[in-house]
């Protein structure tokens, strides 16, 4: 069952999206619906996804200590890089 949805988006983005949809011979509604399907299904499938070959090749190449805080390390590195 289809339901109408109203979105507020910048006019320039809408124009670009309409051009893109026209090139792909699809409706803007169809593009948005498929995008929403993709992002909502990926949340459910995160645990079931198989690793890519690149990720598989890197597994085990880094051994972190028990107290390693990935989020803190990432935050520190990004702050050092950009600040």
C-alpha atoms as a PDB file:
ATOM      1  CA  UNK A   1       0.000   0.000   0.000  1.00  0.00           C
ATOM      2  CA  UNK A   2       1.448   3.355  -1.016  1.00  0.00           C
ATOM      3  CA  UNK A   3       1.104   6.378   1.239  1.00  0.00           C
ATOM      4  CA  UNK A   4       1.812   9.995   0.414  1.00  0.00           C
ATOM      5  CA  UNK A   5       4.807  11.581   2.146  1.00  0.00           C
ATOM      6  CA  UNK A   6       5.662  15.271   2.215  1.00  0.00           C
ATOM      7  CA  UNK A   7       9.329  16.231   2.444  1.00  0.00           C
ATOM      8  CA  UNK A   8      11.015  19.600   2.800  1.00  0.00           C
ATOM      9  CA  UNK A   9      14.173  19.686   0.689  1.00  0.00           C
ATOM     10  CA  UNK A  10      16.212  22.512  -0.837  1.00  0.00           C
ATOM     11  CA  UNK A  11      14.948  23.457  -4.293  1.00  0.00           C
ATOM     12  CA  UNK A  12      18.357  22.991  -5.911  1.00  0.00           C
ATOM     13  CA  UNK A  13      18.590  19.442  -4.555  1.00  0.00           C
ATOM     14  CA  UNK A  14      15.125  18.631  -5.867  1.00  0.00           C
ATOM     15  CA  UNK A  15      16.042  19.891  -9.329  1.00  0.00           C
ATOM     16  CA  UNK A  16      19.247  17.826  -9.399  1.00  0.00           C
ATOM     17  CA  UNK A  17      17.407  14.761  -8.125  1.00  0.00           C
ATOM     18  CA  UNK A  18      14.719  15.127 -10.804  1.00  0.00           C
ATOM     19  CA  UNK A  19      17.395  15.338 -13.521  1.00  0.00           C
ATOM     20  CA  UNK A  20      19.086  12.266 -12.101  1.00  0.00           C
ATOM     21  CA  UNK A  21      15.792  10.352 -11.998  1.00  0.00           C
ATOM     22  CA  UNK A  22      15.049  11.338 -15.594  1.00  0.00           C
ATOM     23  CA  UNK A  23      18.463  10.082 -16.741  1.00  0.00           C
ATOM     24  CA  UNK A  24      17.847   6.785 -14.943  1.00  0.00           C
ATOM     25  CA  UNK A  25      14.309   6.579 -16.377  1.00  0.00           C
ATOM     26  CA  UNK A  26      12.810   6.292 -12.900  1.00  0.00           C
ATOM     27  CA  UNK A  27      10.546   8.441 -10.805  1.00  0.00           C
ATOM     28  CA  UNK A  28      11.881  10.504  -7.956  1.00  0.00           C
ATOM     29  CA  UNK A  29       9.490   8.691  -5.621  1.00  0.00           C
ATOM     30  CA  UNK A  30      10.920   5.358  -6.739  1.00  0.00           C
ATOM     31  CA  UNK A  31      14.487   6.517  -6.124  1.00  0.00           C
ATOM     32  CA  UNK A  32      13.657   7.773  -2.645  1.00  0.00           C
ATOM     33  CA  UNK A  33      11.679   4.642  -1.787  1.00  0.00           C
ATOM     34  CA  UNK A  34      14.542   2.377  -2.856  1.00  0.00           C
ATOM     35  CA  UNK A  35      17.041   4.498  -0.945  1.00  0.00           C
ATOM     36  CA  UNK A  36      14.947   4.234   2.209  1.00  0.00           C
ATOM     37  CA  UNK A  37      14.609   0.476   1.704  1.00  0.00           C
ATOM     38  CA  UNK A  38      18.371   0.174   1.366  1.00  0.00           C
ATOM     39  CA  UNK A  39      19.238   2.124   4.503  1.00  0.00           C
ATOM     40  CA  UNK A  40      16.581   0.490   6.653  1.00  0.00           C
ATOM     41  CA  UNK A  41      17.410  -3.038   5.516  1.00  0.00           C
ATOM     42  CA  UNK A  42      21.131  -2.466   6.078  1.00  0.00           C
ATOM     43  CA  UNK A  43      20.469  -1.753   9.747  1.00  0.00           C
ATOM     44  CA  UNK A  44      18.728  -5.107  10.099  1.00  0.00           C
ATOM     45  CA  UNK A  45      21.335  -6.996   8.080  1.00  0.00           C
ATOM     46  CA  UNK A  46      24.485  -5.514   9.683  1.00  0.00           C
ATOM     47  CA  UNK A  47      25.127  -8.649  11.723  1.00  0.00           C
ATOM     48  CA  UNK A  48      24.458 -10.925   8.752  1.00  0.00           C
ATOM     49  CA  UNK A  49      26.669  -9.207   6.167  1.00  0.00           C
ATOM     50  CA  UNK A  50      29.746 -11.027   4.982  1.00  0.00           C
ATOM     51  CA  UNK A  51      33.042  -9.170   5.133  1.00  0.00           C
ATOM     52  CA  UNK A  52      34.551  -7.957   1.882  1.00  0.00           C
ATOM     53  CA  UNK A  53      37.844  -9.513   0.742  1.00  0.00           C
ATOM     54  CA  UNK A  54      39.717  -6.364   1.784  1.00  0.00           C
ATOM     55  CA  UNK A  55      38.281  -6.536   5.306  1.00  0.00           C
ATOM     56  CA  UNK A  56      39.005 -10.260   5.511  1.00  0.00           C
ATOM     57  CA  UNK A  57      42.633  -9.656   4.554  1.00  0.00           C
ATOM     58  CA  UNK A  58      43.011  -7.083   7.334  1.00  0.00           C
ATOM     59  CA  UNK A  59      41.414  -9.186  10.076  1.00  0.00           C
ATOM     60  CA  UNK A  60      43.934 -10.205  12.661  1.00  0.00           C
ATOM     61  CA  UNK A  61      46.552  -7.716  11.509  1.00  0.00           C
ATOM     62  CA  UNK A  62      45.944  -5.537  14.555  1.00  0.00           C
ATOM     63  CA  UNK A  63      45.711  -6.770  18.108  1.00  0.00           C
ATOM     64  CA  UNK A  64      44.254  -4.225  20.502  1.00  0.00           C
ATOM     65  CA  UNK A  65      44.671  -4.321  24.241  1.00  0.00           C
ATOM     66  CA  UNK A  66      41.666  -5.047  26.423  1.00  0.00           C
ATOM     67  CA  UNK A  67      41.341  -1.391  27.444  1.00  0.00           C
ATOM     68  CA  UNK A  68      41.604  -0.017  23.866  1.00  0.00           C
ATOM     69  CA  UNK A  69      38.908   2.601  23.275  1.00  0.00           C
ATOM     70  CA  UNK A  70      38.307   2.770  19.524  1.00  0.00           C
ATOM     71  CA  UNK A  71      35.996   5.784  19.716  1.00  0.00           C
ATOM     72  CA  UNK A  72      38.430   7.786  21.838  1.00  0.00           C
ATOM     73  CA  UNK A  73      41.343   6.905  19.551  1.00  0.00           C
ATOM     74  CA  UNK A  74      39.371   7.901  16.463  1.00  0.00           C
ATOM     75  CA  UNK A  75      38.281  11.138  18.091  1.00  0.00           C
ATOM     76  CA  UNK A  76      41.860  11.982  19.122  1.00  0.00           C
ATOM     77  CA  UNK A  77      43.239  11.267  15.643  1.00  0.00           C
ATOM     78  CA  UNK A  78      40.547  13.317  13.896  1.00  0.00           C
ATOM     79  CA  UNK A  79      41.055  16.200  16.304  1.00  0.00           C
ATOM     80  CA  UNK A  80      44.802  16.116  15.670  1.00  0.00           C
ATOM     81  CA  UNK A  81      44.254  16.025  11.919  1.00  0.00           C
ATOM     82  CA  UNK A  82      41.643  18.777  11.655  1.00  0.00           C
ATOM     83  CA  UNK A  83      42.223  21.028  14.638  1.00  0.00           C
END
